[in-house]
Amino acid sequence: MRRKDREMSKDFALEVADKCEYAVLSMTDARNAPYCVPISIVRVQQTVYFHCAKEGKKIDCLRANPQVCLACVGDTHRMPNIFTTEFESAILRGTASEVTDAQEKITALKHLCERHTPTNMANFDSEVASSLDRTAVWKIEIESITGKRKKYDENGKEMKFGRMATSAI
């Protein structure tokens, strides 16, 4: 990371991954051409899960090269009087693999739904029963994670590394 003064702890980076509304999955295809796509994620310990269709460009890329990078953006705030934005972000790197065990798929989907649609969990069992066969679930084993933040205090002074390290925007 170039801006070491904005680097945050691993725990901070995990918190950003846990609260981001979506993440951007970056990968390369068989010709080594880049491709990225936004996805909904959930983290369970050192594994990130996401669901998708069983075929398409994303699946082709993941099968050709399972090494991926995931960008997560937490809270942001445009500063009205200066030309900058407060932000928090996390970058995860790891290896993606398809989840083929039915029970692990169901558990991952349940975690995803609890995170993203918690008020609709009463319908989870019936929805999974009708869609499990046509839904793919993939996981990324986290091999590295970094976090970064730019934030200002009430006096307009940027809080560099270690200063209020865990406070969110």
N, C-alpha and C. Protein backbone atom coordinates (compact mmCIF):
# COMPACT_ATOMS: atom_id res chain seq x y z
N MET A 1 0.84 -1.18 0.00
CA MET A 1 0.00 0.00 0.00
C MET A 1 0.88 1.24 0.00
N ARG A 2 0.62 2.12 -0.93
CA ARG A 2 1.44 3.32 -1.06
C ARG A 2 1.22 4.28 0.10
N ARG A 3 -0.01 4.54 0.48
CA ARG A 3 -0.32 5.50 1.55
C ARG A 3 -0.38 4.78 2.90
N LYS A 4 0.77 4.45 3.43
CA LYS A 4 0.86 3.76 4.72
C LYS A 4 0.22 4.57 5.83
N ASP A 5 0.18 5.89 5.68
CA ASP A 5 -0.42 6.73 6.73
C ASP A 5 -1.94 6.56 6.79
N ARG A 6 -2.53 5.93 5.79
CA ARG A 6 -3.97 5.69 5.79
C ARG A 6 -4.31 4.21 5.99
N GLU A 7 -3.29 3.38 6.10
CA GLU A 7 -3.53 1.95 6.28
C GLU A 7 -4.16 1.69 7.65
N MET A 8 -5.13 0.79 7.66
CA MET A 8 -5.83 0.44 8.89
C MET A 8 -5.55 -1.03 9.22
N SER A 9 -6.03 -1.46 10.37
CA SER A 9 -5.77 -2.82 10.84
C SER A 9 -6.57 -3.85 10.02
N LYS A 10 -6.16 -5.10 10.16
CA LYS A 10 -6.88 -6.20 9.53
C LYS A 10 -8.31 -6.26 10.06
N ASP A 11 -8.49 -6.07 11.36
CA ASP A 11 -9.84 -6.09 11.94
C ASP A 11 -10.72 -5.00 11.33
N PHE A 12 -10.16 -3.81 11.13
CA PHE A 12 -10.91 -2.72 10.48
C PHE A 12 -11.32 -3.14 9.07
N ALA A 13 -10.39 -3.74 8.32
CA ALA A 13 -10.68 -4.17 6.96
C ALA A 13 -11.79 -5.21 6.94
N LEU A 14 -11.78 -6.13 7.89
CA LEU A 14 -12.84 -7.15 7.97
C LEU A 14 -14.19 -6.50 8.28
N GLU A 15 -14.19 -5.48 9.15
CA GLU A 15 -15.43 -4.75 9.45
C GLU A 15 -15.99 -4.07 8.20
N VAL A 16 -15.11 -3.49 7.39
CA VAL A 16 -15.55 -2.86 6.15
C VAL A 16 -16.16 -3.91 5.21
N ALA A 17 -15.51 -5.06 5.09
CA ALA A 17 -16.06 -6.13 4.25
C ALA A 17 -17.42 -6.58 4.77
N ASP A 18 -17.56 -6.64 6.08
CA ASP A 18 -18.81 -7.10 6.67
C ASP A 18 -19.95 -6.12 6.48
N LYS A 19 -19.67 -4.84 6.33
CA LYS A 19 -20.76 -3.87 6.24
C LYS A 19 -20.97 -3.30 4.83
N CYS A 20 -20.07 -3.57 3.89
CA CYS A 20 -20.24 -2.99 2.56
C CYS A 20 -21.55 -3.48 1.94
N GLU A 21 -22.20 -2.59 1.21
CA GLU A 21 -23.47 -2.95 0.58
C GLU A 21 -23.24 -3.97 -0.54
N TYR A 22 -22.14 -3.82 -1.23
CA TYR A 22 -21.74 -4.77 -2.27
C TYR A 22 -20.23 -4.66 -2.40
N ALA A 23 -19.63 -5.60 -3.10
CA ALA A 23 -18.20 -5.59 -3.36
C ALA A 23 -17.99 -5.75 -4.87
N VAL A 24 -16.81 -5.38 -5.33
CA VAL A 24 -16.49 -5.55 -6.74
C VAL A 24 -15.45 -6.66 -6.86
N LEU A 25 -15.82 -7.71 -7.57
CA LEU A 25 -14.97 -8.87 -7.78
C LEU A 25 -14.17 -8.65 -9.06
N SER A 26 -12.85 -8.68 -8.95
CA SER A 26 -11.97 -8.52 -10.11
C SER A 26 -11.27 -9.84 -10.39
N MET A 27 -11.22 -10.17 -11.66
CA MET A 27 -10.63 -11.44 -12.09
C MET A 27 -10.10 -11.29 -13.51
N THR A 28 -9.51 -12.34 -14.03
CA THR A 28 -9.04 -12.34 -15.41
C THR A 28 -9.58 -13.57 -16.12
N ASP A 29 -9.78 -13.42 -17.42
CA ASP A 29 -10.30 -14.55 -18.19
C ASP A 29 -9.16 -15.40 -18.72
N ALA A 30 -9.47 -16.38 -19.55
CA ALA A 30 -8.47 -17.32 -20.07
C ALA A 30 -7.41 -16.63 -20.91
N ARG A 31 -7.72 -15.45 -21.47
CA ARG A 31 -6.74 -14.70 -22.27
C ARG A 31 -6.01 -13.67 -21.43
N ASN A 32 -6.23 -13.73 -20.11
CA ASN A 32 -5.62 -12.80 -19.15
C ASN A 32 -6.17 -11.38 -19.28
N ALA A 33 -7.38 -11.25 -19.83
CA ALA A 33 -8.04 -9.95 -19.93
C ALA A 33 -8.80 -9.69 -18.62
N PRO A 34 -8.75 -8.47 -18.12
CA PRO A 34 -9.43 -8.18 -16.85
C PRO A 34 -10.95 -8.13 -17.01
N TYR A 35 -11.62 -8.47 -15.92
CA TYR A 35 -13.07 -8.40 -15.86
C TYR A 35 -13.45 -8.18 -14.40
N CYS A 36 -14.43 -7.31 -14.16
CA CYS A 36 -14.91 -7.10 -12.80
C CYS A 36 -16.42 -6.98 -12.79
N VAL A 37 -17.01 -7.31 -11.64
CA VAL A 37 -18.46 -7.30 -11.52
C VAL A 37 -18.84 -7.07 -10.05
N PRO A 38 -19.88 -6.26 -9.80
CA PRO A 38 -20.34 -6.10 -8.42
C PRO A 38 -21.10 -7.33 -7.95
N ILE A 39 -20.89 -7.71 -6.69
CA ILE A 39 -21.56 -8.87 -6.12
C ILE A 39 -21.98 -8.57 -4.67
N SER A 40 -22.98 -9.28 -4.21
CA SER A 40 -23.36 -9.26 -2.80
C SER A 40 -22.56 -10.34 -2.09
N ILE A 41 -22.00 -10.00 -0.94
CA ILE A 41 -21.13 -10.95 -0.25
C ILE A 41 -21.55 -11.12 1.20
N VAL A 42 -21.04 -12.18 1.79
CA VAL A 42 -21.08 -12.36 3.24
C VAL A 42 -19.77 -13.05 3.62
N ARG A 43 -19.23 -12.63 4.76
CA ARG A 43 -18.00 -13.24 5.25
C ARG A 43 -18.34 -14.14 6.43
N VAL A 44 -17.79 -15.35 6.39
CA VAL A 44 -17.88 -16.29 7.51
C VAL A 44 -16.45 -16.68 7.84
N GLN A 45 -15.94 -16.12 8.92
CA GLN A 45 -14.55 -16.30 9.35
C GLN A 45 -13.60 -15.84 8.24
N GLN A 46 -12.81 -16.73 7.67
CA GLN A 46 -11.85 -16.34 6.64
C GLN A 46 -12.31 -16.69 5.23
N THR A 47 -13.64 -16.82 5.06
CA THR A 47 -14.22 -17.18 3.78
C THR A 47 -15.29 -16.16 3.40
N VAL A 48 -15.28 -15.72 2.16
CA VAL A 48 -16.32 -14.84 1.63
C VAL A 48 -17.15 -15.66 0.65
N TYR A 49 -18.46 -15.60 0.81
CA TYR A 49 -19.38 -16.32 -0.07
C TYR A 49 -20.15 -15.33 -0.94
N PHE A 50 -20.51 -15.77 -2.15
CA PHE A 50 -21.43 -15.04 -3.01
C PHE A 50 -22.19 -16.04 -3.86
N HIS A 51 -23.34 -15.62 -4.37
CA HIS A 51 -24.15 -16.50 -5.22
C HIS A 51 -24.25 -15.88 -6.60
N CYS A 52 -24.58 -16.71 -7.56
CA CYS A 52 -24.69 -16.24 -8.94
C CYS A 52 -25.36 -17.31 -9.78
N ALA A 53 -25.47 -17.02 -11.07
CA ALA A 53 -25.97 -18.01 -12.02
C ALA A 53 -24.90 -19.09 -12.20
N LYS A 54 -25.28 -20.18 -12.80
CA LYS A 54 -24.35 -21.28 -12.98
C LYS A 54 -23.47 -21.14 -14.23
N GLU A 55 -23.78 -20.15 -15.06
CA GLU A 55 -22.95 -19.93 -16.24
C GLU A 55 -22.90 -18.45 -16.55
N GLY A 56 -21.90 -18.08 -17.34
CA GLY A 56 -21.72 -16.69 -17.72
C GLY A 56 -20.25 -16.31 -17.68
N LYS A 57 -19.95 -15.07 -18.03
CA LYS A 57 -18.56 -14.61 -18.11
C LYS A 57 -17.84 -14.72 -16.77
N LYS A 58 -18.52 -14.37 -15.68
CA LYS A 58 -17.90 -14.46 -14.35
C LYS A 58 -17.46 -15.90 -14.07
N ILE A 59 -18.33 -16.85 -14.35
CA ILE A 59 -18.01 -18.26 -14.10
C ILE A 59 -16.86 -18.71 -15.00
N ASP A 60 -16.88 -18.29 -16.26
CA ASP A 60 -15.78 -18.62 -17.17
C ASP A 60 -14.46 -18.10 -16.64
N CYS A 61 -14.45 -16.87 -16.15
CA CYS A 61 -13.22 -16.28 -15.60
C CYS A 61 -12.75 -17.03 -14.36
N LEU A 62 -13.67 -17.31 -13.46
CA LEU A 62 -13.30 -18.00 -12.22
C LEU A 62 -12.74 -19.38 -12.48
N ARG A 63 -13.27 -20.04 -13.48
CA ARG A 63 -12.76 -21.38 -13.82
C ARG A 63 -11.40 -21.30 -14.51
N ALA A 64 -11.19 -20.24 -15.30
CA ALA A 64 -9.91 -20.08 -16.00
C ALA A 64 -8.80 -19.66 -15.05
N ASN A 65 -9.13 -18.81 -14.08
CA ASN A 65 -8.12 -18.31 -13.14
C ASN A 65 -8.82 -17.98 -11.82
N PRO A 66 -8.72 -18.86 -10.84
CA PRO A 66 -9.44 -18.65 -9.58
C PRO A 66 -8.82 -17.61 -8.65
N GLN A 67 -7.68 -17.03 -9.02
CA GLN A 67 -7.09 -15.97 -8.20
C GLN A 67 -7.88 -14.69 -8.42
N VAL A 68 -8.41 -14.13 -7.33
CA VAL A 68 -9.29 -12.97 -7.45
C VAL A 68 -8.90 -11.88 -6.47
N CYS A 69 -9.46 -10.71 -6.71
CA CYS A 69 -9.31 -9.56 -5.83
C CYS A 69 -10.71 -8.99 -5.62
N LEU A 70 -11.02 -8.64 -4.38
CA LEU A 70 -12.34 -8.15 -4.03
C LEU A 70 -12.20 -6.78 -3.37
N ALA A 71 -12.85 -5.77 -3.93
CA ALA A 71 -12.81 -4.42 -3.39
C ALA A 71 -14.12 -4.13 -2.66
N CYS A 72 -14.00 -3.72 -1.41
CA CYS A 72 -15.16 -3.41 -0.57
C CYS A 72 -15.05 -1.94 -0.15
N VAL A 73 -16.14 -1.19 -0.30
CA VAL A 73 -16.17 0.21 0.12
C VAL A 73 -17.18 0.33 1.24
N GLY A 74 -16.73 0.88 2.34
CA GLY A 74 -17.61 1.10 3.48
C GLY A 74 -18.25 2.47 3.38
N ASP A 75 -18.21 3.22 4.47
CA ASP A 75 -18.83 4.53 4.52
C ASP A 75 -18.01 5.55 3.74
N THR A 76 -18.71 6.45 3.07
CA THR A 76 -18.05 7.55 2.36
C THR A 76 -18.78 8.85 2.72
N HIS A 77 -18.06 9.95 2.57
CA HIS A 77 -18.64 11.26 2.83
C HIS A 77 -17.89 12.29 2.00
N ARG A 78 -18.60 12.94 1.08
CA ARG A 78 -17.98 14.01 0.30
C ARG A 78 -17.83 15.23 1.20
N MET A 79 -16.63 15.79 1.19
CA MET A 79 -16.35 16.96 2.03
C MET A 79 -16.82 18.20 1.27
N PRO A 80 -17.74 18.99 1.82
CA PRO A 80 -18.34 20.10 1.07
C PRO A 80 -17.41 21.28 0.82
N ASN A 81 -16.41 21.47 1.66
CA ASN A 81 -15.57 22.67 1.55
C ASN A 81 -14.15 22.41 1.07
N ILE A 82 -13.82 21.15 0.83
CA ILE A 82 -12.50 20.81 0.28
C ILE A 82 -12.70 19.75 -0.78
N PHE A 83 -11.76 19.63 -1.68
CA PHE A 83 -11.89 18.72 -2.81
C PHE A 83 -11.38 17.33 -2.43
N THR A 84 -12.16 16.65 -1.59
CA THR A 84 -11.78 15.29 -1.21
C THR A 84 -13.01 14.56 -0.68
N THR A 85 -12.84 13.29 -0.43
CA THR A 85 -13.90 12.44 0.10
C THR A 85 -13.34 11.62 1.25
N GLU A 86 -14.07 11.58 2.37
CA GLU A 86 -13.73 10.62 3.41
C GLU A 86 -14.18 9.26 2.91
N PHE A 87 -13.41 8.22 3.23
CA PHE A 87 -13.78 6.88 2.78
C PHE A 87 -13.15 5.84 3.69
N GLU A 88 -13.65 4.64 3.57
CA GLU A 88 -13.02 3.46 4.17
C GLU A 88 -13.18 2.33 3.16
N SER A 89 -12.12 1.54 3.01
CA SER A 89 -12.15 0.47 2.03
C SER A 89 -11.33 -0.72 2.50
N ALA A 90 -11.61 -1.85 1.88
CA ALA A 90 -10.85 -3.07 2.14
C ALA A 90 -10.61 -3.76 0.81
N ILE A 91 -9.42 -4.32 0.67
CA ILE A 91 -9.07 -5.11 -0.51
C ILE A 91 -8.71 -6.50 -0.03
N LEU A 92 -9.43 -7.50 -0.55
CA LEU A 92 -9.17 -8.89 -0.21
C LEU A 92 -8.63 -9.60 -1.44
N ARG A 93 -7.69 -10.47 -1.21
CA ARG A 93 -7.16 -11.31 -2.28
C ARG A 93 -7.31 -12.76 -1.83
N GLY A 94 -7.60 -13.61 -2.80
CA GLY A 94 -7.75 -15.01 -2.45
C GLY A 94 -8.03 -15.88 -3.65
N THR A 95 -8.38 -17.12 -3.35
CA THR A 95 -8.67 -18.11 -4.37
C THR A 95 -10.14 -18.48 -4.29
N ALA A 96 -10.82 -18.39 -5.42
CA ALA A 96 -12.24 -18.70 -5.50
C ALA A 96 -12.44 -20.16 -5.90
N SER A 97 -13.49 -20.75 -5.34
CA SER A 97 -13.86 -22.11 -5.74
C SER A 97 -15.37 -22.25 -5.61
N GLU A 98 -15.92 -23.10 -6.45
CA GLU A 98 -17.37 -23.32 -6.40
C GLU A 98 -17.71 -24.22 -5.22
N VAL A 99 -18.78 -23.89 -4.55
CA VAL A 99 -19.27 -24.72 -3.45
C VAL A 99 -20.17 -25.79 -4.08
N THR A 100 -19.80 -27.05 -3.91
CA THR A 100 -20.58 -28.13 -4.51
C THR A 100 -21.35 -28.94 -3.48
N ASP A 101 -20.98 -28.87 -2.22
CA ASP A 101 -21.69 -29.56 -1.16
C ASP A 101 -23.02 -28.85 -0.89
N ALA A 102 -24.12 -29.57 -0.99
CA ALA A 102 -25.46 -28.96 -0.86
C ALA A 102 -25.64 -28.28 0.49
N GLN A 103 -25.20 -28.90 1.57
CA GLN A 103 -25.39 -28.29 2.88
C GLN A 103 -24.58 -27.01 3.03
N GLU A 104 -23.35 -26.99 2.52
CA GLU A 104 -22.55 -25.76 2.58
C GLU A 104 -23.20 -24.66 1.73
N LYS A 105 -23.76 -25.03 0.57
CA LYS A 105 -24.47 -24.04 -0.26
C LYS A 105 -25.64 -23.43 0.50
N ILE A 106 -26.44 -24.27 1.13
CA ILE A 106 -27.61 -23.79 1.88
C ILE A 106 -27.17 -22.89 3.03
N THR A 107 -26.14 -23.31 3.74
CA THR A 107 -25.64 -22.50 4.86
C THR A 107 -25.12 -21.15 4.37
N ALA A 108 -24.39 -21.15 3.26
CA ALA A 108 -23.86 -19.90 2.70
C ALA A 108 -25.01 -18.99 2.25
N LEU A 109 -26.00 -19.57 1.58
CA LEU A 109 -27.15 -18.78 1.14
C LEU A 109 -27.92 -18.21 2.34
N LYS A 110 -28.01 -18.98 3.39
CA LYS A 110 -28.70 -18.49 4.59
C LYS A 110 -27.95 -17.30 5.18
N HIS A 111 -26.62 -17.41 5.26
CA HIS A 111 -25.81 -16.27 5.75
C HIS A 111 -26.00 -15.05 4.85
N LEU A 112 -25.99 -15.26 3.54
CA LEU A 112 -26.19 -14.14 2.60
C LEU A 112 -27.55 -13.48 2.82
N CYS A 113 -28.58 -14.29 2.95
CA CYS A 113 -29.93 -13.75 3.13
C CYS A 113 -30.09 -13.07 4.49
N GLU A 114 -29.51 -13.64 5.53
CA GLU A 114 -29.57 -13.01 6.85
C GLU A 114 -28.89 -11.65 6.83
N ARG A 115 -27.84 -11.52 6.04
CA ARG A 115 -27.14 -10.24 5.95
C ARG A 115 -27.89 -9.23 5.09
N HIS A 116 -28.37 -9.67 3.93
CA HIS A 116 -28.91 -8.72 2.95
C HIS A 116 -30.44 -8.59 2.96
N THR A 117 -31.16 -9.61 3.41
CA THR A 117 -32.63 -9.54 3.44
C THR A 117 -33.15 -10.15 4.74
N PRO A 118 -32.73 -9.64 5.88
CA PRO A 118 -33.10 -10.27 7.15
C PRO A 118 -34.60 -10.28 7.44
N THR A 119 -35.34 -9.34 6.89
CA THR A 119 -36.79 -9.30 7.17
C THR A 119 -37.58 -10.30 6.35
N ASN A 120 -36.92 -11.02 5.44
CA ASN A 120 -37.62 -11.98 4.59
C ASN A 120 -37.22 -13.43 4.89
N MET A 121 -36.61 -13.67 6.04
CA MET A 121 -36.11 -15.01 6.34
C MET A 121 -37.23 -16.05 6.48
N ALA A 122 -38.45 -15.63 6.74
CA ALA A 122 -39.56 -16.58 6.84
C ALA A 122 -39.77 -17.33 5.52
N ASN A 123 -39.34 -16.74 4.42
CA ASN A 123 -39.50 -17.36 3.10
C ASN A 123 -38.25 -18.10 2.64
N PHE A 124 -37.21 -18.14 3.47
CA PHE A 124 -35.93 -18.72 3.04
C PHE A 124 -36.07 -20.18 2.62
N ASP A 125 -36.64 -21.02 3.48
CA ASP A 125 -36.68 -22.45 3.19
C ASP A 125 -37.40 -22.77 1.87
N SER A 126 -38.53 -22.14 1.64
CA SER A 126 -39.26 -22.42 0.40
C SER A 126 -38.51 -21.90 -0.82
N GLU A 127 -37.88 -20.74 -0.68
CA GLU A 127 -37.11 -20.18 -1.81
C GLU A 127 -35.90 -21.06 -2.15
N VAL A 128 -35.19 -21.50 -1.13
CA VAL A 128 -34.03 -22.36 -1.37
C VAL A 128 -34.48 -23.68 -1.99
N ALA A 129 -35.56 -24.23 -1.52
CA ALA A 129 -36.06 -25.50 -2.07
C ALA A 129 -36.36 -25.38 -3.56
N SER A 130 -36.86 -24.21 -3.98
CA SER A 130 -37.22 -24.06 -5.39
C SER A 130 -36.08 -23.57 -6.28
N SER A 131 -35.00 -23.05 -5.69
CA SER A 131 -33.95 -22.45 -6.52
C SER A 131 -32.55 -23.02 -6.32
N LEU A 132 -32.36 -23.93 -5.40
CA LEU A 132 -31.01 -24.41 -5.09
C LEU A 132 -30.32 -25.03 -6.30
N ASP A 133 -31.06 -25.79 -7.10
CA ASP A 133 -30.45 -26.48 -8.25
C ASP A 133 -29.98 -25.52 -9.34
N ARG A 134 -30.57 -24.35 -9.42
CA ARG A 134 -30.19 -23.41 -10.48
C ARG A 134 -29.31 -22.27 -9.96
N THR A 135 -28.92 -22.34 -8.70
CA THR A 135 -28.10 -21.30 -8.09
C THR A 135 -26.70 -21.83 -7.83
N ALA A 136 -25.71 -21.05 -8.24
CA ALA A 136 -24.33 -21.39 -7.92
C ALA A 136 -23.90 -20.57 -6.69
N VAL A 137 -23.09 -21.17 -5.87
CA VAL A 137 -22.48 -20.48 -4.74
C VAL A 137 -20.98 -20.68 -4.85
N TRP A 138 -20.27 -19.58 -4.72
CA TRP A 138 -18.82 -19.61 -4.76
C TRP A 138 -18.27 -19.06 -3.46
N LYS A 139 -17.05 -19.45 -3.15
CA LYS A 139 -16.39 -18.94 -1.96
C LYS A 139 -14.98 -18.49 -2.31
N ILE A 140 -14.54 -17.51 -1.57
CA ILE A 140 -13.18 -17.01 -1.70
C ILE A 140 -12.50 -17.21 -0.35
N GLU A 141 -11.44 -17.98 -0.35
CA GLU A 141 -10.64 -18.14 0.87
C GLU A 141 -9.71 -16.94 0.94
N ILE A 142 -9.86 -16.14 1.99
CA ILE A 142 -9.07 -14.92 2.12
C ILE A 142 -7.60 -15.28 2.38
N GLU A 143 -6.73 -14.83 1.49
CA GLU A 143 -5.29 -15.05 1.64
C GLU A 143 -4.60 -13.79 2.17
N SER A 144 -5.15 -12.63 1.83
CA SER A 144 -4.64 -11.37 2.38
C SER A 144 -5.76 -10.34 2.37
N ILE A 145 -5.65 -9.39 3.28
CA ILE A 145 -6.65 -8.31 3.36
C ILE A 145 -5.95 -7.06 3.87
N THR A 146 -6.28 -5.94 3.25
CA THR A 146 -5.77 -4.65 3.72
C THR A 146 -6.94 -3.69 3.83
N GLY A 147 -6.80 -2.75 4.75
CA GLY A 147 -7.83 -1.74 4.94
C GLY A 147 -7.22 -0.36 4.86
N LYS A 148 -8.02 0.59 4.43
CA LYS A 148 -7.55 1.96 4.25
C LYS A 148 -8.68 2.91 4.62
N ARG A 149 -8.31 4.07 5.16
CA ARG A 149 -9.31 5.05 5.55
C ARG A 149 -8.75 6.45 5.40
N LYS A 150 -9.63 7.36 4.99
CA LYS A 150 -9.34 8.79 5.02
C LYS A 150 -10.49 9.42 5.79
N LYS A 151 -10.17 10.06 6.91
CA LYS A 151 -11.19 10.64 7.77
C LYS A 151 -10.63 11.87 8.45
N TYR A 152 -11.50 12.85 8.66
CA TYR A 152 -11.12 14.10 9.31
C TYR A 152 -11.79 14.22 10.67
N ASP A 153 -11.11 14.86 11.62
CA ASP A 153 -11.72 15.10 12.92
C ASP A 153 -12.58 16.36 12.86
N GLU A 154 -13.17 16.73 13.98
CA GLU A 154 -14.07 17.88 14.02
C GLU A 154 -13.37 19.21 13.74
N ASN A 155 -12.04 19.23 13.80
CA ASN A 155 -11.27 20.44 13.51
C ASN A 155 -10.76 20.48 12.07
N GLY A 156 -11.14 19.49 11.28
CA GLY A 156 -10.72 19.46 9.88
C GLY A 156 -9.33 18.89 9.66
N LYS A 157 -8.76 18.24 10.68
CA LYS A 157 -7.43 17.65 10.56
C LYS A 157 -7.58 16.16 10.23
N GLU A 158 -6.84 15.72 9.21
CA GLU A 158 -6.93 14.32 8.83
C GLU A 158 -6.36 13.44 9.93
N MET A 159 -7.09 12.37 10.22
CA MET A 159 -6.66 11.41 11.25
C MET A 159 -5.82 10.35 10.56
N LYS A 160 -4.53 10.42 10.76
CA LYS A 160 -3.60 9.49 10.13
C LYS A 160 -3.56 8.17 10.89
N PHE A 161 -2.72 7.26 10.45
CA PHE A 161 -2.62 5.91 11.00
C PHE A 161 -2.57 5.91 12.53
N GLY A 162 -3.40 5.07 13.11
CA GLY A 162 -3.37 4.87 14.55
C GLY A 162 -4.22 5.86 15.35
N ARG A 163 -4.63 6.94 14.75
CA ARG A 163 -5.42 7.93 15.47
C ARG A 163 -6.89 7.57 15.30
N MET A 164 -7.53 7.20 16.39
CA MET A 164 -8.92 6.75 16.36
C MET A 164 -9.08 5.66 15.29
N ALA A 165 -8.21 4.66 15.37
CA ALA A 165 -8.11 3.66 14.32
C ALA A 165 -9.38 2.89 14.04
N THR A 166 -10.26 2.72 15.02
CA THR A 166 -11.44 1.88 14.76
C THR A 166 -12.71 2.68 14.58
N SER A 167 -12.65 4.00 14.69
CA SER A 167 -13.89 4.76 14.54
C SER A 167 -14.30 4.83 13.07
N ALA A 168 -15.56 4.55 12.83
CA ALA A 168 -16.07 4.58 11.46
C ALA A 168 -16.43 6.01 11.08
N ILE A 169 -16.62 6.22 9.80
CA ILE A 169 -17.00 7.53 9.28
C ILE A 169 -18.39 7.86 9.75
